[in-house]
Amino acid sequence: MKKYIKILIMTLTMSLFAFNILYAAGSSGGDGYDKIGLYKKGKKLVLRAKKQEEKNKTEKAQELYLKAYKIFEKAYEKNKNNPDILNYLGFTLRKTGNLEKAEIYYLKGLEFDAGHLGINEYLGELYVQTNRIDLAKKRLNVLQGCKCEEYQELKELIENN
């Protein structure tokens, strides 16, 4: 009987030890959830901000873009090599009027993914906004052949300016 109790105690101890290791790996210190969670949260705020813009509620949109920017900053602290995060950092900054800093993030994102559709479109839009049409056309050339809305939207913007 004592032998079975010892085995039972050892099994329970090992189980608790394994549970603690697994729990620690999945808790708030684990990068995986935080990176994805922050990114998704920021993206939701951007979508809400875009809807506010469509309703001509500019002030509310600006607030949401600023909140999204702060969340993407936290995501960026955890993962500095993600072009999607860099794209949204640039996008939210551009939407809140910080064009110089937006351009820096877009260019950093292109270092990781030169063909990133969103970055190329939004950087092209920034170039149109700052009257650098020649640079916007270079972004358009990168998008050429993708048969995507990013190419179409940037092309129309360039043609209309």
N, C-alpha and C. Protein backbone atom coordinates (compact mmCIF):
# COMPACT_ATOMS: atom_id res chain seq x y z
N MET A 1 0.82 -1.19 0.00
CA MET A 1 0.00 0.00 0.00
C MET A 1 0.87 1.26 0.00
N LYS A 2 1.95 1.25 0.82
CA LYS A 2 2.84 2.40 0.88
C LYS A 2 3.46 2.67 -0.50
N LYS A 3 3.75 1.61 -1.23
CA LYS A 3 4.35 1.75 -2.56
C LYS A 3 3.40 2.49 -3.49
N TYR A 4 2.11 2.19 -3.46
CA TYR A 4 1.11 2.84 -4.29
C TYR A 4 0.94 4.31 -3.92
N ILE A 5 1.00 4.61 -2.65
CA ILE A 5 0.88 6.00 -2.18
C ILE A 5 2.07 6.81 -2.66
N LYS A 6 3.28 6.22 -2.58
CA LYS A 6 4.47 6.91 -3.08
C LYS A 6 4.35 7.20 -4.58
N ILE A 7 3.89 6.21 -5.32
CA ILE A 7 3.72 6.39 -6.78
C ILE A 7 2.67 7.46 -7.06
N LEU A 8 1.59 7.43 -6.29
CA LEU A 8 0.54 8.43 -6.46
C LEU A 8 1.06 9.83 -6.16
N ILE A 9 1.80 10.00 -5.08
CA ILE A 9 2.37 11.29 -4.71
C ILE A 9 3.36 11.76 -5.77
N MET A 10 4.21 10.87 -6.26
CA MET A 10 5.17 11.23 -7.30
C MET A 10 4.45 11.65 -8.59
N THR A 11 3.40 10.93 -8.93
CA THR A 11 2.65 11.25 -10.15
C THR A 11 1.98 12.61 -10.02
N LEU A 12 1.36 12.87 -8.87
CA LEU A 12 0.73 14.17 -8.65
C LEU A 12 1.76 15.30 -8.66
N THR A 13 2.89 15.08 -8.04
CA THR A 13 3.95 16.10 -8.01
C THR A 13 4.44 16.40 -9.42
N MET A 14 4.67 15.37 -10.20
CA MET A 14 5.14 15.56 -11.58
C MET A 14 4.07 16.26 -12.42
N SER A 15 2.82 15.90 -12.20
CA SER A 15 1.73 16.53 -12.95
C SER A 15 1.64 18.02 -12.64
N LEU A 16 1.73 18.36 -11.34
CA LEU A 16 1.70 19.77 -10.95
C LEU A 16 2.90 20.52 -11.52
N PHE A 17 4.05 19.91 -11.52
CA PHE A 17 5.24 20.54 -12.08
C PHE A 17 5.05 20.81 -13.57
N ALA A 18 4.56 19.81 -14.29
CA ALA A 18 4.32 19.97 -15.73
C ALA A 18 3.26 21.04 -15.98
N PHE A 19 2.21 21.07 -15.19
CA PHE A 19 1.17 22.08 -15.34
C PHE A 19 1.74 23.48 -15.15
N ASN A 20 2.59 23.65 -14.12
CA ASN A 20 3.21 24.97 -13.87
C ASN A 20 4.07 25.42 -15.03
N ILE A 21 4.80 24.51 -15.63
CA ILE A 21 5.63 24.85 -16.78
C ILE A 21 4.75 25.28 -17.95
N LEU A 22 3.72 24.52 -18.23
CA LEU A 22 2.81 24.85 -19.33
C LEU A 22 2.08 26.16 -19.07
N TYR A 23 1.65 26.38 -17.85
CA TYR A 23 0.94 27.60 -17.51
C TYR A 23 1.84 28.82 -17.68
N ALA A 24 3.08 28.72 -17.23
CA ALA A 24 4.03 29.84 -17.35
C ALA A 24 4.29 30.17 -18.81
N ALA A 25 4.37 29.15 -19.65
CA ALA A 25 4.63 29.39 -21.07
C ALA A 25 3.46 30.08 -21.74
N GLY A 26 2.25 29.87 -21.26
CA GLY A 26 1.08 30.46 -21.90
C GLY A 26 0.55 31.71 -21.23
N SER A 27 1.18 32.15 -20.15
CA SER A 27 0.66 33.31 -19.44
C SER A 27 1.07 34.60 -20.11
N SER A 28 0.77 35.73 -19.50
CA SER A 28 0.98 37.04 -20.11
C SER A 28 2.42 37.29 -20.50
N GLY A 29 3.35 36.55 -19.96
CA GLY A 29 4.74 36.69 -20.37
C GLY A 29 5.02 36.05 -21.71
N GLY A 30 4.12 35.21 -22.21
CA GLY A 30 4.31 34.53 -23.49
C GLY A 30 4.08 35.49 -24.63
N ASP A 31 5.04 35.58 -25.54
CA ASP A 31 4.96 36.54 -26.64
C ASP A 31 3.86 36.21 -27.64
N GLY A 32 3.58 34.94 -27.89
CA GLY A 32 2.66 34.57 -28.95
C GLY A 32 1.30 35.22 -28.84
N TYR A 33 0.66 35.10 -27.71
CA TYR A 33 -0.68 35.67 -27.55
C TYR A 33 -0.64 37.19 -27.61
N ASP A 34 0.32 37.78 -26.92
CA ASP A 34 0.40 39.24 -26.87
C ASP A 34 0.56 39.84 -28.26
N LYS A 35 1.43 39.27 -29.07
CA LYS A 35 1.67 39.80 -30.41
C LYS A 35 0.39 39.76 -31.23
N ILE A 36 -0.25 38.61 -31.22
CA ILE A 36 -1.47 38.45 -32.01
C ILE A 36 -2.60 39.28 -31.42
N GLY A 37 -2.73 39.25 -30.10
CA GLY A 37 -3.80 39.98 -29.43
C GLY A 37 -3.70 41.48 -29.65
N LEU A 38 -2.51 42.02 -29.51
CA LEU A 38 -2.31 43.45 -29.71
C LEU A 38 -2.58 43.83 -31.16
N TYR A 39 -2.07 43.05 -32.08
CA TYR A 39 -2.26 43.33 -33.50
C TYR A 39 -3.75 43.34 -33.85
N LYS A 40 -4.47 42.32 -33.40
CA LYS A 40 -5.91 42.25 -33.69
C LYS A 40 -6.67 43.41 -33.07
N LYS A 41 -6.31 43.76 -31.85
CA LYS A 41 -6.97 44.86 -31.15
C LYS A 41 -6.74 46.18 -31.90
N GLY A 42 -5.51 46.41 -32.32
CA GLY A 42 -5.18 47.61 -33.09
C GLY A 42 -5.91 47.66 -34.42
N LYS A 43 -5.97 46.52 -35.08
CA LYS A 43 -6.64 46.45 -36.39
C LYS A 43 -8.14 46.74 -36.26
N LYS A 44 -8.75 46.25 -35.19
CA LYS A 44 -10.16 46.54 -34.95
C LYS A 44 -10.40 48.04 -34.77
N LEU A 45 -9.49 48.68 -34.05
CA LEU A 45 -9.62 50.13 -33.84
C LEU A 45 -9.48 50.89 -35.17
N VAL A 46 -8.57 50.43 -36.03
CA VAL A 46 -8.40 51.07 -37.34
C VAL A 46 -9.69 50.93 -38.16
N LEU A 47 -10.28 49.76 -38.14
CA LEU A 47 -11.54 49.56 -38.88
C LEU A 47 -12.65 50.46 -38.34
N ARG A 48 -12.71 50.60 -37.02
CA ARG A 48 -13.70 51.50 -36.42
C ARG A 48 -13.43 52.95 -36.82
N ALA A 49 -12.16 53.32 -36.85
CA ALA A 49 -11.79 54.69 -37.24
C ALA A 49 -12.18 54.97 -38.69
N LYS A 50 -11.97 53.99 -39.56
CA LYS A 50 -12.34 54.16 -40.97
C LYS A 50 -13.85 54.38 -41.12
N LYS A 51 -14.62 53.65 -40.32
CA LYS A 51 -16.08 53.82 -40.36
C LYS A 51 -16.47 55.22 -39.90
N GLN A 52 -15.78 55.71 -38.89
CA GLN A 52 -16.06 57.07 -38.40
C GLN A 52 -15.72 58.10 -39.47
N GLU A 53 -14.64 57.87 -40.19
CA GLU A 53 -14.26 58.77 -41.29
C GLU A 53 -15.34 58.80 -42.37
N GLU A 54 -15.87 57.62 -42.69
CA GLU A 54 -16.93 57.53 -43.70
C GLU A 54 -18.17 58.33 -43.28
N LYS A 55 -18.39 58.42 -41.98
CA LYS A 55 -19.53 59.18 -41.45
C LYS A 55 -19.18 60.65 -41.22
N ASN A 56 -17.99 61.06 -41.67
CA ASN A 56 -17.47 62.42 -41.47
C ASN A 56 -17.32 62.79 -39.99
N LYS A 57 -17.07 61.80 -39.17
CA LYS A 57 -16.80 62.03 -37.75
C LYS A 57 -15.29 62.00 -37.55
N THR A 58 -14.65 63.04 -38.05
CA THR A 58 -13.19 63.11 -38.12
C THR A 58 -12.54 63.07 -36.75
N GLU A 59 -13.10 63.81 -35.81
CA GLU A 59 -12.50 63.88 -34.48
C GLU A 59 -12.48 62.50 -33.81
N LYS A 60 -13.59 61.80 -33.91
CA LYS A 60 -13.68 60.46 -33.32
C LYS A 60 -12.72 59.50 -34.04
N ALA A 61 -12.63 59.63 -35.34
CA ALA A 61 -11.70 58.80 -36.12
C ALA A 61 -10.26 59.04 -35.66
N GLN A 62 -9.91 60.30 -35.46
CA GLN A 62 -8.56 60.65 -35.01
C GLN A 62 -8.26 60.01 -33.66
N GLU A 63 -9.22 60.06 -32.75
CA GLU A 63 -9.04 59.44 -31.43
C GLU A 63 -8.77 57.94 -31.56
N LEU A 64 -9.54 57.29 -32.42
CA LEU A 64 -9.38 55.85 -32.61
C LEU A 64 -8.05 55.51 -33.27
N TYR A 65 -7.64 56.32 -34.25
CA TYR A 65 -6.34 56.09 -34.88
C TYR A 65 -5.21 56.25 -33.86
N LEU A 66 -5.34 57.22 -32.99
CA LEU A 66 -4.31 57.44 -31.97
C LEU A 66 -4.25 56.27 -30.99
N LYS A 67 -5.42 55.77 -30.59
CA LYS A 67 -5.46 54.60 -29.71
C LYS A 67 -4.84 53.38 -30.41
N ALA A 68 -5.17 53.21 -31.68
CA ALA A 68 -4.62 52.10 -32.44
C ALA A 68 -3.10 52.22 -32.54
N TYR A 69 -2.63 53.44 -32.78
CA TYR A 69 -1.18 53.66 -32.86
C TYR A 69 -0.49 53.21 -31.58
N LYS A 70 -1.05 53.56 -30.44
CA LYS A 70 -0.45 53.19 -29.15
C LYS A 70 -0.41 51.67 -28.98
N ILE A 71 -1.43 51.00 -29.45
CA ILE A 71 -1.46 49.54 -29.36
C ILE A 71 -0.43 48.93 -30.31
N PHE A 72 -0.33 49.47 -31.52
CA PHE A 72 0.67 48.95 -32.46
C PHE A 72 2.09 49.22 -31.97
N GLU A 73 2.27 50.30 -31.23
CA GLU A 73 3.59 50.57 -30.62
C GLU A 73 3.96 49.44 -29.66
N LYS A 74 2.99 49.00 -28.86
CA LYS A 74 3.24 47.90 -27.92
C LYS A 74 3.53 46.61 -28.67
N ALA A 75 2.78 46.38 -29.74
CA ALA A 75 3.02 45.18 -30.56
C ALA A 75 4.41 45.24 -31.18
N TYR A 76 4.82 46.43 -31.60
CA TYR A 76 6.13 46.62 -32.22
C TYR A 76 7.25 46.36 -31.21
N GLU A 77 7.04 46.73 -29.95
CA GLU A 77 8.03 46.45 -28.91
C GLU A 77 8.29 44.96 -28.79
N LYS A 78 7.27 44.16 -29.02
CA LYS A 78 7.38 42.71 -28.89
C LYS A 78 7.89 42.05 -30.17
N ASN A 79 7.69 42.73 -31.31
CA ASN A 79 8.10 42.13 -32.58
C ASN A 79 8.46 43.24 -33.57
N LYS A 80 9.72 43.53 -33.67
CA LYS A 80 10.19 44.63 -34.51
C LYS A 80 10.37 44.22 -35.98
N ASN A 81 10.13 42.96 -36.30
CA ASN A 81 10.36 42.46 -37.65
C ASN A 81 9.08 42.15 -38.42
N ASN A 82 7.96 42.64 -37.96
CA ASN A 82 6.68 42.31 -38.59
C ASN A 82 6.24 43.46 -39.51
N PRO A 83 6.26 43.26 -40.83
CA PRO A 83 5.88 44.34 -41.74
C PRO A 83 4.42 44.77 -41.59
N ASP A 84 3.55 43.88 -41.15
CA ASP A 84 2.14 44.26 -40.96
C ASP A 84 2.00 45.27 -39.83
N ILE A 85 2.74 45.06 -38.74
CA ILE A 85 2.72 46.01 -37.63
C ILE A 85 3.30 47.34 -38.08
N LEU A 86 4.40 47.29 -38.81
CA LEU A 86 5.03 48.52 -39.31
C LEU A 86 4.09 49.26 -40.26
N ASN A 87 3.36 48.51 -41.07
CA ASN A 87 2.38 49.11 -41.98
C ASN A 87 1.32 49.88 -41.20
N TYR A 88 0.78 49.27 -40.16
CA TYR A 88 -0.26 49.93 -39.37
C TYR A 88 0.30 51.09 -38.54
N LEU A 89 1.55 50.98 -38.10
CA LEU A 89 2.16 52.12 -37.41
C LEU A 89 2.22 53.30 -38.38
N GLY A 90 2.68 53.05 -39.59
CA GLY A 90 2.74 54.11 -40.59
C GLY A 90 1.36 54.64 -40.94
N PHE A 91 0.41 53.75 -41.10
CA PHE A 91 -0.95 54.14 -41.48
C PHE A 91 -1.59 55.04 -40.42
N THR A 92 -1.50 54.62 -39.16
CA THR A 92 -2.14 55.41 -38.09
C THR A 92 -1.45 56.76 -37.92
N LEU A 93 -0.14 56.77 -38.08
CA LEU A 93 0.57 58.05 -38.01
C LEU A 93 0.18 58.97 -39.17
N ARG A 94 0.07 58.40 -40.35
CA ARG A 94 -0.32 59.20 -41.52
C ARG A 94 -1.72 59.76 -41.32
N LYS A 95 -2.60 58.97 -40.80
CA LYS A 95 -3.98 59.41 -40.60
C LYS A 95 -4.09 60.48 -39.52
N THR A 96 -3.13 60.50 -38.59
CA THR A 96 -3.15 61.52 -37.54
C THR A 96 -2.22 62.69 -37.86
N GLY A 97 -1.65 62.69 -39.06
CA GLY A 97 -0.90 63.84 -39.54
C GLY A 97 0.60 63.82 -39.34
N ASN A 98 1.14 62.77 -38.77
CA ASN A 98 2.58 62.69 -38.57
C ASN A 98 3.22 61.97 -39.77
N LEU A 99 3.34 62.70 -40.87
CA LEU A 99 3.76 62.10 -42.13
C LEU A 99 5.22 61.66 -42.13
N GLU A 100 6.08 62.43 -41.50
CA GLU A 100 7.50 62.08 -41.48
C GLU A 100 7.74 60.75 -40.76
N LYS A 101 7.15 60.61 -39.61
CA LYS A 101 7.32 59.38 -38.84
C LYS A 101 6.63 58.20 -39.53
N ALA A 102 5.49 58.48 -40.17
CA ALA A 102 4.78 57.44 -40.92
C ALA A 102 5.68 56.87 -42.01
N GLU A 103 6.34 57.77 -42.73
CA GLU A 103 7.22 57.34 -43.82
C GLU A 103 8.35 56.45 -43.30
N ILE A 104 8.87 56.77 -42.14
CA ILE A 104 9.95 55.97 -41.55
C ILE A 104 9.48 54.54 -41.31
N TYR A 105 8.27 54.38 -40.74
CA TYR A 105 7.75 53.04 -40.47
C TYR A 105 7.45 52.29 -41.76
N TYR A 106 6.89 52.97 -42.74
CA TYR A 106 6.63 52.31 -44.03
C TYR A 106 7.93 51.80 -44.63
N LEU A 107 8.97 52.62 -44.62
CA LEU A 107 10.25 52.22 -45.20
C LEU A 107 10.88 51.07 -44.42
N LYS A 108 10.74 51.06 -43.10
CA LYS A 108 11.22 49.94 -42.30
C LYS A 108 10.49 48.66 -42.68
N GLY A 109 9.19 48.78 -42.90
CA GLY A 109 8.40 47.63 -43.29
C GLY A 109 8.83 47.06 -44.63
N LEU A 110 9.18 47.94 -45.57
CA LEU A 110 9.63 47.48 -46.88
C LEU A 110 10.97 46.76 -46.79
N GLU A 111 11.76 47.05 -45.76
CA GLU A 111 13.02 46.32 -45.57
C GLU A 111 12.75 44.84 -45.30
N PHE A 112 11.63 44.52 -44.69
CA PHE A 112 11.28 43.14 -44.39
C PHE A 112 10.47 42.49 -45.50
N ASP A 113 9.71 43.29 -46.22
CA ASP A 113 8.87 42.75 -47.30
C ASP A 113 8.68 43.83 -48.36
N ALA A 114 9.57 43.86 -49.34
CA ALA A 114 9.57 44.90 -50.37
C ALA A 114 8.30 44.89 -51.22
N GLY A 115 7.63 43.76 -51.28
CA GLY A 115 6.42 43.66 -52.08
C GLY A 115 5.14 43.77 -51.29
N HIS A 116 5.21 44.18 -50.04
CA HIS A 116 4.02 44.27 -49.18
C HIS A 116 2.99 45.19 -49.82
N LEU A 117 1.83 44.64 -50.11
CA LEU A 117 0.79 45.40 -50.83
C LEU A 117 0.34 46.64 -50.08
N GLY A 118 0.02 46.48 -48.81
CA GLY A 118 -0.48 47.60 -48.01
C GLY A 118 0.54 48.72 -47.87
N ILE A 119 1.76 48.34 -47.55
CA ILE A 119 2.80 49.36 -47.36
C ILE A 119 3.04 50.11 -48.66
N ASN A 120 3.13 49.39 -49.76
CA ASN A 120 3.39 50.06 -51.04
C ASN A 120 2.25 51.01 -51.41
N GLU A 121 1.02 50.58 -51.18
CA GLU A 121 -0.11 51.47 -51.47
C GLU A 121 -0.10 52.69 -50.57
N TYR A 122 0.01 52.47 -49.27
CA TYR A 122 -0.08 53.58 -48.32
C TYR A 122 1.11 54.53 -48.42
N LEU A 123 2.29 53.99 -48.68
CA LEU A 123 3.45 54.85 -48.87
C LEU A 123 3.27 55.67 -50.15
N GLY A 124 2.69 55.04 -51.18
CA GLY A 124 2.37 55.78 -52.40
C GLY A 124 1.38 56.90 -52.13
N GLU A 125 0.38 56.63 -51.30
CA GLU A 125 -0.60 57.65 -50.93
C GLU A 125 0.07 58.79 -50.17
N LEU A 126 1.00 58.44 -49.28
CA LEU A 126 1.73 59.46 -48.54
C LEU A 126 2.53 60.33 -49.52
N TYR A 127 3.15 59.70 -50.52
CA TYR A 127 3.92 60.46 -51.51
C TYR A 127 3.02 61.39 -52.32
N VAL A 128 1.83 60.94 -52.65
CA VAL A 128 0.89 61.82 -53.35
C VAL A 128 0.51 62.98 -52.43
N GLN A 129 0.22 62.66 -51.19
CA GLN A 129 -0.17 63.66 -50.19
C GLN A 129 0.91 64.73 -50.01
N THR A 130 2.17 64.33 -50.14
CA THR A 130 3.29 65.26 -49.97
C THR A 130 3.85 65.74 -51.32
N ASN A 131 3.05 65.55 -52.36
CA ASN A 131 3.36 66.03 -53.71
C ASN A 131 4.68 65.47 -54.26
N ARG A 132 4.92 64.19 -53.99
CA ARG A 132 6.08 63.50 -54.56
C ARG A 132 5.58 62.39 -55.49
N ILE A 133 4.98 62.82 -56.56
CA ILE A 133 4.30 61.92 -57.49
C ILE A 133 5.27 60.91 -58.10
N ASP A 134 6.50 61.33 -58.38
CA ASP A 134 7.48 60.40 -58.96
C ASP A 134 7.74 59.21 -58.04
N LEU A 135 7.80 59.46 -56.73
CA LEU A 135 7.98 58.36 -55.78
C LEU A 135 6.71 57.51 -55.66
N ALA A 136 5.56 58.14 -55.77
CA ALA A 136 4.29 57.40 -55.73
C ALA A 136 4.21 56.45 -56.92
N LYS A 137 4.69 56.90 -58.06
CA LYS A 137 4.67 56.04 -59.26
C LYS A 137 5.60 54.84 -59.10
N LYS A 138 6.68 55.01 -58.36
CA LYS A 138 7.58 53.88 -58.08
C LYS A 138 6.86 52.83 -57.24
N ARG A 139 6.07 53.29 -56.27
CA ARG A 139 5.28 52.34 -55.45
C ARG A 139 4.25 51.64 -56.33
N LEU A 140 3.67 52.40 -57.26
CA LEU A 140 2.68 51.82 -58.18
C LEU A 140 3.33 50.74 -59.04
N ASN A 141 4.56 50.98 -59.49
CA ASN A 141 5.28 49.99 -60.30
C ASN A 141 5.51 48.69 -59.53
N VAL A 142 5.75 48.81 -58.24
CA VAL A 142 5.92 47.61 -57.41
C VAL A 142 4.62 46.81 -57.38
N LEU A 143 3.50 47.52 -57.34
CA LEU A 143 2.19 46.85 -57.25
C LEU A 143 1.69 46.35 -58.60
N GLN A 144 2.28 46.86 -59.68
CA GLN A 144 1.81 46.50 -61.02
C GLN A 144 1.87 44.99 -61.20
N GLY A 145 0.83 44.45 -61.75
CA GLY A 145 0.76 43.02 -62.00
C GLY A 145 0.13 42.22 -60.87
N CYS A 146 -0.17 42.86 -59.75
CA CYS A 146 -0.75 42.11 -58.63
C CYS A 146 -2.26 41.89 -58.82
N LYS A 147 -2.86 42.63 -59.73
CA LYS A 147 -4.32 42.55 -59.95
C LYS A 147 -5.05 42.66 -58.61
N CYS A 148 -4.69 43.70 -57.86
CA CYS A 148 -5.24 43.87 -56.52
C CYS A 148 -5.82 45.27 -56.39
N GLU A 149 -6.65 45.45 -55.38
CA GLU A 149 -7.28 46.76 -55.16
C GLU A 149 -6.26 47.82 -54.76
N GLU A 150 -5.17 47.41 -54.12
CA GLU A 150 -4.14 48.36 -53.73
C GLU A 150 -3.58 49.08 -54.97
N TYR A 151 -3.33 48.31 -56.03
CA TYR A 151 -2.82 48.89 -57.27
C TYR A 151 -3.84 49.86 -57.86
N GLN A 152 -5.08 49.42 -57.95
CA GLN A 152 -6.15 50.23 -58.55
C GLN A 152 -6.35 51.54 -57.79
N GLU A 153 -6.40 51.44 -56.47
CA GLU A 153 -6.64 52.63 -55.65
C GLU A 153 -5.51 53.65 -55.77
N LEU A 154 -4.27 53.16 -55.74
CA LEU A 154 -3.14 54.08 -55.87
C LEU A 154 -3.08 54.66 -57.27
N LYS A 155 -3.37 53.86 -58.27
CA LYS A 155 -3.37 54.34 -59.65
C LYS A 155 -4.39 55.49 -59.83
N GLU A 156 -5.59 55.30 -59.31
CA GLU A 156 -6.63 56.33 -59.40
C GLU A 156 -6.21 57.61 -58.66
N LEU A 157 -5.61 57.45 -57.51
CA LEU A 157 -5.18 58.60 -56.72
C LEU A 157 -4.12 59.40 -57.48
N ILE A 158 -3.18 58.69 -58.08
CA ILE A 158 -2.13 59.37 -58.85
C ILE A 158 -2.72 60.07 -60.06
N GLU A 159 -3.62 59.41 -60.75
CA GLU A 159 -4.24 59.99 -61.95
C GLU A 159 -5.07 61.24 -61.61
N ASN A 160 -5.66 61.26 -60.44
CA ASN A 160 -6.51 62.39 -60.04
C ASN A 160 -5.72 63.56 -59.45
N ASN A 161 -4.41 63.43 -59.37
CA ASN A 161 -3.59 64.52 -58.81
C ASN A 161 -2.64 65.08 -59.83
